PDB file of all heavy atoms in Angstrom:
ATOM      1  N   GLY A   1      -0.100 -29.753  -5.837  1.00  0.00           N
ATOM      2  CA  GLY A   1      -0.612 -28.667  -5.216  1.00  0.00           C
ATOM      3  C   GLY A   1      -1.317 -27.581  -6.196  1.00  0.00           C
ATOM      4  O   GLY A   1      -1.250 -26.507  -5.827  1.00  0.00           O
ATOM      5  N   SER A   2      -1.683 -28.084  -7.232  1.00  0.00           N
ATOM      6  CA  SER A   2      -2.341 -27.276  -8.381  1.00  0.00           C
ATOM      7  C   SER A   2      -3.561 -26.565  -7.948  1.00  0.00           C
ATOM      8  O   SER A   2      -4.138 -25.598  -8.476  1.00  0.00           O
ATOM      9  CB  SER A   2      -2.337 -27.831  -9.608  1.00  0.00           C
ATOM     10  OG  SER A   2      -3.223 -29.093  -9.530  1.00  0.00           O
ATOM     11  N   SER A   3      -4.366 -27.325  -6.918  1.00  0.00           N
ATOM     12  CA  SER A   3      -5.508 -26.653  -6.527  1.00  0.00           C
ATOM     13  C   SER A   3      -5.400 -26.295  -5.076  1.00  0.00           C
ATOM     14  O   SER A   3      -4.884 -26.953  -4.208  1.00  0.00           O
ATOM     15  CB  SER A   3      -6.619 -27.798  -6.621  1.00  0.00           C
ATOM     16  OG  SER A   3      -6.849 -28.237  -7.853  1.00  0.00           O
ATOM     17  N   THR A   4      -6.050 -25.068  -4.883  1.00  0.00           N
ATOM     18  CA  THR A   4      -6.071 -24.572  -3.519  1.00  0.00           C
ATOM     19  C   THR A   4      -7.507 -23.965  -3.195  1.00  0.00           C
ATOM     20  O   THR A   4      -8.253 -23.704  -4.145  1.00  0.00           O
ATOM     21  CB  THR A   4      -5.101 -23.317  -3.305  1.00  0.00           C
ATOM     22  OG1 THR A   4      -5.329 -22.369  -4.308  1.00  0.00           O
ATOM     23  CG2 THR A   4      -3.728 -23.855  -3.309  1.00  0.00           C
ATOM     24  N   LYS A   5      -7.882 -23.942  -1.893  1.00  0.00           N
ATOM     25  CA  LYS A   5      -9.089 -23.265  -1.408  1.00  0.00           C
ATOM     26  C   LYS A   5      -8.808 -22.601  -0.229  1.00  0.00           C
ATOM     27  O   LYS A   5      -7.846 -22.819   0.579  1.00  0.00           O
ATOM     28  CB  LYS A   5     -10.032 -24.499  -1.095  1.00  0.00           C
ATOM     29  CG  LYS A   5     -10.821 -25.137  -2.266  1.00  0.00           C
ATOM     30  CD  LYS A   5     -11.851 -26.009  -1.836  1.00  0.00           C
ATOM     31  CE  LYS A   5     -12.669 -26.632  -3.041  1.00  0.00           C
ATOM     32  NZ  LYS A   5     -13.632 -27.606  -2.619  1.00  0.00           N
ATOM     33  N   TYR A   6      -9.567 -21.455  -0.063  1.00  0.00           N
ATOM     34  CA  TYR A   6      -9.443 -20.605   1.056  1.00  0.00           C
ATOM     35  C   TYR A   6     -10.712 -20.175   1.637  1.00  0.00           C
ATOM     36  O   TYR A   6     -11.765 -20.107   0.928  1.00  0.00           O
ATOM     37  CB  TYR A   6      -8.733 -19.295   0.510  1.00  0.00           C
ATOM     38  CG  TYR A   6      -7.279 -19.518   0.040  1.00  0.00           C
ATOM     39  CD1 TYR A   6      -7.132 -19.753  -1.272  1.00  0.00           C
ATOM     40  CD2 TYR A   6      -6.205 -19.472   0.918  1.00  0.00           C
ATOM     41  CE1 TYR A   6      -5.812 -19.951  -1.782  1.00  0.00           C
ATOM     42  CE2 TYR A   6      -4.947 -19.806   0.313  1.00  0.00           C
ATOM     43  CZ  TYR A   6      -4.783 -19.949  -0.983  1.00  0.00           C
ATOM     44  OH  TYR A   6      -3.505 -20.236  -1.557  1.00  0.00           O
ATOM     45  N   ALA A   7     -10.731 -19.936   2.939  1.00  0.00           N
ATOM     46  CA  ALA A   7     -11.895 -19.334   3.552  1.00  0.00           C
ATOM     47  C   ALA A   7     -12.044 -17.981   3.110  1.00  0.00           C
ATOM     48  O   ALA A   7     -11.109 -17.201   2.707  1.00  0.00           O
ATOM     49  CB  ALA A   7     -11.735 -19.351   5.084  1.00  0.00           C
ATOM     50  N   ASP A   8     -13.369 -17.530   2.920  1.00  0.00           N
ATOM     51  CA  ASP A   8     -13.666 -16.239   2.434  1.00  0.00           C
ATOM     52  C   ASP A   8     -12.884 -15.177   3.338  1.00  0.00           C
ATOM     53  O   ASP A   8     -12.527 -14.073   2.728  1.00  0.00           O
ATOM     54  CB  ASP A   8     -15.146 -15.910   2.465  1.00  0.00           C
ATOM     55  CG  ASP A   8     -15.804 -16.675   1.458  1.00  0.00           C
ATOM     56  OD1 ASP A   8     -15.182 -17.238   0.451  1.00  0.00           O
ATOM     57  OD2 ASP A   8     -17.111 -16.755   1.562  1.00  0.00           O
ATOM     58  N   SER A   9     -12.738 -15.223   4.537  1.00  0.00           N
ATOM     59  CA  SER A   9     -12.107 -14.326   5.478  1.00  0.00           C
ATOM     60  C   SER A   9     -10.733 -14.017   5.181  1.00  0.00           C
ATOM     61  O   SER A   9     -10.145 -13.006   5.630  1.00  0.00           O
ATOM     62  CB  SER A   9     -12.414 -14.720   6.891  1.00  0.00           C
ATOM     63  OG  SER A   9     -11.767 -15.977   7.171  1.00  0.00           O
ATOM     64  N   VAL A  10     -10.079 -15.073   4.511  1.00  0.00           N
ATOM     65  CA  VAL A  10      -8.632 -14.813   4.150  1.00  0.00           C
ATOM     66  C   VAL A  10      -8.346 -14.802   2.674  1.00  0.00           C
ATOM     67  O   VAL A  10      -7.082 -14.513   2.416  1.00  0.00           O
ATOM     68  CB  VAL A  10      -7.761 -16.008   4.830  1.00  0.00           C
ATOM     69  CG1 VAL A  10      -8.208 -16.183   6.339  1.00  0.00           C
ATOM     70  CG2 VAL A  10      -7.870 -17.276   4.160  1.00  0.00           C
ATOM     71  N   LYS A  11      -9.278 -14.908   1.889  1.00  0.00           N
ATOM     72  CA  LYS A  11      -9.089 -14.891   0.499  1.00  0.00           C
ATOM     73  C   LYS A  11      -8.315 -13.632  -0.024  1.00  0.00           C
ATOM     74  O   LYS A  11      -8.857 -12.582   0.414  1.00  0.00           O
ATOM     75  CB  LYS A  11     -10.277 -15.190  -0.304  1.00  0.00           C
ATOM     76  CG  LYS A  11     -10.197 -15.771  -1.663  1.00  0.00           C
ATOM     77  CD  LYS A  11     -11.571 -16.258  -2.165  1.00  0.00           C
ATOM     78  CE  LYS A  11     -12.187 -17.414  -1.454  1.00  0.00           C
ATOM     79  NZ  LYS A  11     -13.397 -17.893  -1.946  1.00  0.00           N
ATOM     80  N   GLY A  12      -7.412 -13.683  -0.767  1.00  0.00           N
ATOM     81  CA  GLY A  12      -6.622 -12.500  -1.224  1.00  0.00           C
ATOM     82  C   GLY A  12      -5.591 -12.155  -0.199  1.00  0.00           C
ATOM     83  O   GLY A  12      -4.710 -11.202  -0.624  1.00  0.00           O
ATOM     84  N   ARG A  13      -5.521 -12.522   0.960  1.00  0.00           N
ATOM     85  CA  ARG A  13      -4.499 -12.203   1.853  1.00  0.00           C
ATOM     86  C   ARG A  13      -3.606 -13.348   2.209  1.00  0.00           C
ATOM     87  O   ARG A  13      -2.411 -13.208   2.567  1.00  0.00           O
ATOM     88  CB  ARG A  13      -5.148 -11.680   3.235  1.00  0.00           C
ATOM     89  CG  ARG A  13      -6.044 -10.374   3.024  1.00  0.00           C
ATOM     90  CD  ARG A  13      -6.509  -9.910   4.343  1.00  0.00           C
ATOM     91  NE  ARG A  13      -7.313 -11.010   5.147  1.00  0.00           N
ATOM     92  CZ  ARG A  13      -7.079 -11.286   6.391  1.00  0.00           C
ATOM     93  NH1 ARG A  13      -5.919 -10.871   6.899  1.00  0.00           N
ATOM     94  NH2 ARG A  13      -7.825 -12.272   6.909  1.00  0.00           N
ATOM     95  N   PHE A  14      -4.020 -14.658   2.267  1.00  0.00           N
ATOM     96  CA  PHE A  14      -3.246 -15.739   2.638  1.00  0.00           C
ATOM     97  C   PHE A  14      -3.077 -16.610   1.404  1.00  0.00           C
ATOM     98  O   PHE A  14      -3.872 -16.759   0.479  1.00  0.00           O
ATOM     99  CB  PHE A  14      -4.027 -16.623   3.658  1.00  0.00           C
ATOM    100  CG  PHE A  14      -4.142 -16.021   5.004  1.00  0.00           C
ATOM    101  CD1 PHE A  14      -3.811 -14.605   5.255  1.00  0.00           C
ATOM    102  CD2 PHE A  14      -4.604 -16.816   6.047  1.00  0.00           C
ATOM    103  CE1 PHE A  14      -3.947 -14.124   6.514  1.00  0.00           C
ATOM    104  CE2 PHE A  14      -4.702 -16.302   7.421  1.00  0.00           C
ATOM    105  CZ  PHE A  14      -4.414 -15.004   7.641  1.00  0.00           C
ATOM    106  N   THR A  15      -1.858 -17.236   1.282  1.00  0.00           N
ATOM    107  CA  THR A  15      -1.493 -18.214   0.291  1.00  0.00           C
ATOM    108  C   THR A  15      -0.827 -19.355   0.785  1.00  0.00           C
ATOM    109  O   THR A  15       0.067 -19.292   1.665  1.00  0.00           O
ATOM    110  CB  THR A  15      -0.560 -17.456  -0.764  1.00  0.00           C
ATOM    111  OG1 THR A  15      -1.040 -16.348  -1.222  1.00  0.00           O
ATOM    112  CG2 THR A  15      -0.250 -18.420  -1.868  1.00  0.00           C
ATOM    113  N   THR A  16      -1.366 -20.622   0.431  1.00  0.00           N
ATOM    114  CA  THR A  16      -0.708 -21.782   0.878  1.00  0.00           C
ATOM    115  C   THR A  16       0.016 -22.423  -0.323  1.00  0.00           C
ATOM    116  O   THR A  16      -0.356 -22.283  -1.476  1.00  0.00           O
ATOM    117  CB  THR A  16      -1.800 -22.805   1.447  1.00  0.00           C
ATOM    118  OG1 THR A  16      -1.054 -23.964   2.036  1.00  0.00           O
ATOM    119  CG2 THR A  16      -2.741 -23.237   0.348  1.00  0.00           C
ATOM    120  N   SER A  17       1.037 -23.107  -0.015  1.00  0.00           N
ATOM    121  CA  SER A  17       1.870 -23.688  -1.025  1.00  0.00           C
ATOM    122  C   SER A  17       2.610 -24.984  -0.343  1.00  0.00           C
ATOM    123  O   SER A  17       2.604 -25.142   0.914  1.00  0.00           O
ATOM    124  CB  SER A  17       3.026 -22.752  -1.534  1.00  0.00           C
ATOM    125  OG  SER A  17       3.872 -22.326  -0.557  1.00  0.00           O
ATOM    126  N   ARG A  18       3.152 -25.841  -1.136  1.00  0.00           N
ATOM    127  CA  ARG A  18       3.822 -26.942  -0.679  1.00  0.00           C
ATOM    128  C   ARG A  18       5.145 -27.247  -1.403  1.00  0.00           C
ATOM    129  O   ARG A  18       5.257 -26.879  -2.557  1.00  0.00           O
ATOM    130  CB  ARG A  18       3.003 -28.303  -0.751  1.00  0.00           C
ATOM    131  CG  ARG A  18       2.612 -28.719  -2.091  1.00  0.00           C
ATOM    132  CD  ARG A  18       1.547 -29.706  -2.053  1.00  0.00           C
ATOM    133  NE  ARG A  18       1.889 -30.922  -1.199  1.00  0.00           N
ATOM    134  CZ  ARG A  18       1.040 -31.810  -0.626  1.00  0.00           C
ATOM    135  NH1 ARG A  18      -0.293 -31.615  -0.782  1.00  0.00           N
ATOM    136  NH2 ARG A  18       1.468 -32.843   0.002  1.00  0.00           N
ATOM    137  N   ASP A  19       6.215 -27.775  -0.630  1.00  0.00           N
ATOM    138  CA  ASP A  19       7.464 -28.198  -1.259  1.00  0.00           C
ATOM    139  C   ASP A  19       7.588 -29.677  -0.850  1.00  0.00           C
ATOM    140  O   ASP A  19       7.989 -29.951   0.206  1.00  0.00           O
ATOM    141  CB  ASP A  19       8.579 -27.342  -0.667  1.00  0.00           C
ATOM    142  CG  ASP A  19       9.877 -27.637  -1.408  1.00  0.00           C
ATOM    143  OD1 ASP A  19      10.144 -28.793  -1.956  1.00  0.00           O
ATOM    144  OD2 ASP A  19      10.852 -26.827  -1.321  1.00  0.00           O
ATOM    145  N   ASN A  20       7.202 -30.546  -1.822  1.00  0.00           N
ATOM    146  CA  ASN A  20       7.340 -32.001  -1.522  1.00  0.00           C
ATOM    147  C   ASN A  20       8.668 -32.475  -1.353  1.00  0.00           C
ATOM    148  O   ASN A  20       8.893 -33.464  -0.606  1.00  0.00           O
ATOM    149  CB  ASN A  20       6.677 -32.786  -2.637  1.00  0.00           C
ATOM    150  CG  ASN A  20       5.081 -32.587  -2.700  1.00  0.00           C
ATOM    151  OD1 ASN A  20       4.550 -32.222  -1.696  1.00  0.00           O
ATOM    152  ND2 ASN A  20       4.543 -32.545  -3.890  1.00  0.00           N
ATOM    153  N   ALA A  21       9.650 -31.782  -1.973  1.00  0.00           N
ATOM    154  CA  ALA A  21      11.103 -32.240  -1.606  1.00  0.00           C
ATOM    155  C   ALA A  21      11.538 -31.997  -0.117  1.00  0.00           C
ATOM    156  O   ALA A  21      12.452 -32.703   0.272  1.00  0.00           O
ATOM    157  CB  ALA A  21      11.976 -31.482  -2.514  1.00  0.00           C
ATOM    158  N   LYS A  22      10.910 -31.082   0.450  1.00  0.00           N
ATOM    159  CA  LYS A  22      11.281 -30.684   1.841  1.00  0.00           C
ATOM    160  C   LYS A  22      10.075 -31.191   2.832  1.00  0.00           C
ATOM    161  O   LYS A  22      10.179 -30.886   3.962  1.00  0.00           O
ATOM    162  CB  LYS A  22      11.378 -29.208   2.017  1.00  0.00           C
ATOM    163  CG  LYS A  22      12.556 -28.564   1.135  1.00  0.00           C
ATOM    164  CD  LYS A  22      12.619 -27.101   1.514  1.00  0.00           C
ATOM    165  CE  LYS A  22      13.758 -26.566   0.601  1.00  0.00           C
ATOM    166  NZ  LYS A  22      14.005 -25.075   0.984  1.00  0.00           N
ATOM    167  N   ASN A  23       9.075 -31.909   2.267  1.00  0.00           N
ATOM    168  CA  ASN A  23       7.970 -32.402   3.022  1.00  0.00           C
ATOM    169  C   ASN A  23       7.425 -31.292   3.984  1.00  0.00           C
ATOM    170  O   ASN A  23       7.160 -31.369   5.140  1.00  0.00           O
ATOM    171  CB  ASN A  23       8.581 -33.537   4.050  1.00  0.00           C
ATOM    172  CG  ASN A  23       8.609 -34.883   3.427  1.00  0.00           C
ATOM    173  OD1 ASN A  23       8.420 -35.026   2.171  1.00  0.00           O
ATOM    174  ND2 ASN A  23       8.638 -35.873   4.075  1.00  0.00           N
ATOM    175  N   THR A  24       7.149 -30.145   3.345  1.00  0.00           N
ATOM    176  CA  THR A  24       6.659 -28.933   4.013  1.00  0.00           C
ATOM    177  C   THR A  24       5.543 -28.284   3.283  1.00  0.00           C
ATOM    178  O   THR A  24       5.642 -28.222   1.972  1.00  0.00           O
ATOM    179  CB  THR A  24       8.002 -28.013   4.249  1.00  0.00           C
ATOM    180  OG1 THR A  24       8.878 -28.618   5.036  1.00  0.00           O
ATOM    181  CG2 THR A  24       7.466 -26.738   5.068  1.00  0.00           C
ATOM    182  N   VAL A  25       4.552 -27.832   4.012  1.00  0.00           N
ATOM    183  CA  VAL A  25       3.623 -26.926   3.557  1.00  0.00           C
ATOM    184  C   VAL A  25       3.688 -25.638   4.211  1.00  0.00           C
ATOM    185  O   VAL A  25       4.082 -25.477   5.372  1.00  0.00           O
ATOM    186  CB  VAL A  25       2.200 -27.586   3.688  1.00  0.00           C
ATOM    187  CG1 VAL A  25       1.911 -27.874   5.197  1.00  0.00           C
ATOM    188  CG2 VAL A  25       1.153 -26.873   2.966  1.00  0.00           C
ATOM    189  N   TYR A  26       3.370 -24.505   3.597  1.00  0.00           N
ATOM    190  CA  TYR A  26       3.395 -23.295   3.999  1.00  0.00           C
ATOM    191  C   TYR A  26       2.118 -22.433   3.958  1.00  0.00           C
ATOM    192  O   TYR A  26       1.240 -22.732   3.152  1.00  0.00           O
ATOM    193  CB  TYR A  26       4.487 -22.435   3.127  1.00  0.00           C
ATOM    194  CG  TYR A  26       5.788 -23.011   3.036  1.00  0.00           C
ATOM    195  CD1 TYR A  26       6.088 -23.809   1.932  1.00  0.00           C
ATOM    196  CD2 TYR A  26       6.788 -22.835   4.030  1.00  0.00           C
ATOM    197  CE1 TYR A  26       7.421 -24.321   1.902  1.00  0.00           C
ATOM    198  CE2 TYR A  26       8.077 -23.422   3.903  1.00  0.00           C
ATOM    199  CZ  TYR A  26       8.331 -24.176   2.840  1.00  0.00           C
ATOM    200  OH  TYR A  26       9.628 -24.747   2.744  1.00  0.00           O
ATOM    201  N   LEU A  27       2.112 -21.477   4.873  1.00  0.00           N
ATOM    202  CA  LEU A  27       0.923 -20.507   4.951  1.00  0.00           C
ATOM    203  C   LEU A  27       1.460 -19.143   4.942  1.00  0.00           C
ATOM    204  O   LEU A  27       1.915 -18.728   5.967  1.00  0.00           O
ATOM    205  CB  LEU A  27      -0.085 -20.817   5.953  1.00  0.00           C
ATOM    206  CG  LEU A  27      -1.441 -19.983   5.940  1.00  0.00           C
ATOM    207  CD1 LEU A  27      -2.111 -20.316   4.608  1.00  0.00           C
ATOM    208  CD2 LEU A  27      -2.162 -20.116   7.205  1.00  0.00           C
ATOM    209  N   GLN A  28       1.453 -18.317   3.818  1.00  0.00           N
ATOM    210  CA  GLN A  28       1.959 -17.034   3.792  1.00  0.00           C
ATOM    211  C   GLN A  28       0.734 -16.165   4.170  1.00  0.00           C
ATOM    212  O   GLN A  28      -0.278 -16.192   3.391  1.00  0.00           O
ATOM    213  CB  GLN A  28       2.449 -16.602   2.463  1.00  0.00           C
ATOM    214  CG  GLN A  28       2.849 -15.241   2.389  1.00  0.00           C
ATOM    215  CD  GLN A  28       4.134 -14.826   3.217  1.00  0.00           C
ATOM    216  OE1 GLN A  28       5.064 -15.558   3.342  1.00  0.00           O
ATOM    217  NE2 GLN A  28       4.002 -13.729   3.915  1.00  0.00           N
ATOM    218  N   MET A  29       0.913 -15.308   5.253  1.00  0.00           N
ATOM    219  CA  MET A  29      -0.243 -14.499   5.739  1.00  0.00           C
ATOM    220  C   MET A  29       0.143 -13.110   5.540  1.00  0.00           C
ATOM    221  O   MET A  29       1.118 -12.656   6.277  1.00  0.00           O
ATOM    222  CB  MET A  29      -0.544 -14.844   7.134  1.00  0.00           C
ATOM    223  CG  MET A  29      -0.809 -16.339   7.334  1.00  0.00           C
ATOM    224  SD  MET A  29      -1.449 -16.742   9.051  1.00  0.00           S
ATOM    225  CE  MET A  29       0.072 -16.377   9.844  1.00  0.00           C
ATOM    226  N   ASN A  30      -0.570 -12.424   4.894  1.00  0.00           N
ATOM    227  CA  ASN A  30      -0.300 -10.903   4.573  1.00  0.00           C
ATOM    228  C   ASN A  30      -1.489 -10.071   4.962  1.00  0.00           C
ATOM    229  O   ASN A  30      -2.561 -10.640   5.139  1.00  0.00           O
ATOM    230  CB  ASN A  30       0.000 -10.663   3.122  1.00  0.00           C
ATOM    231  CG  ASN A  30       1.227 -11.289   2.515  1.00  0.00           C
ATOM    232  OD1 ASN A  30       2.213 -11.589   3.331  1.00  0.00           O
ATOM    233  ND2 ASN A  30       1.198 -11.638   1.290  1.00  0.00           N
TER     234      ASN A  30
END
């Protein structure tokens, strides 16, 4: 998950991450 991309409308506010041990991807929205 070393590379990420964001839409311009959410850049700086949203962050995506993944935890492969938990088979889960996240979207933190601020």
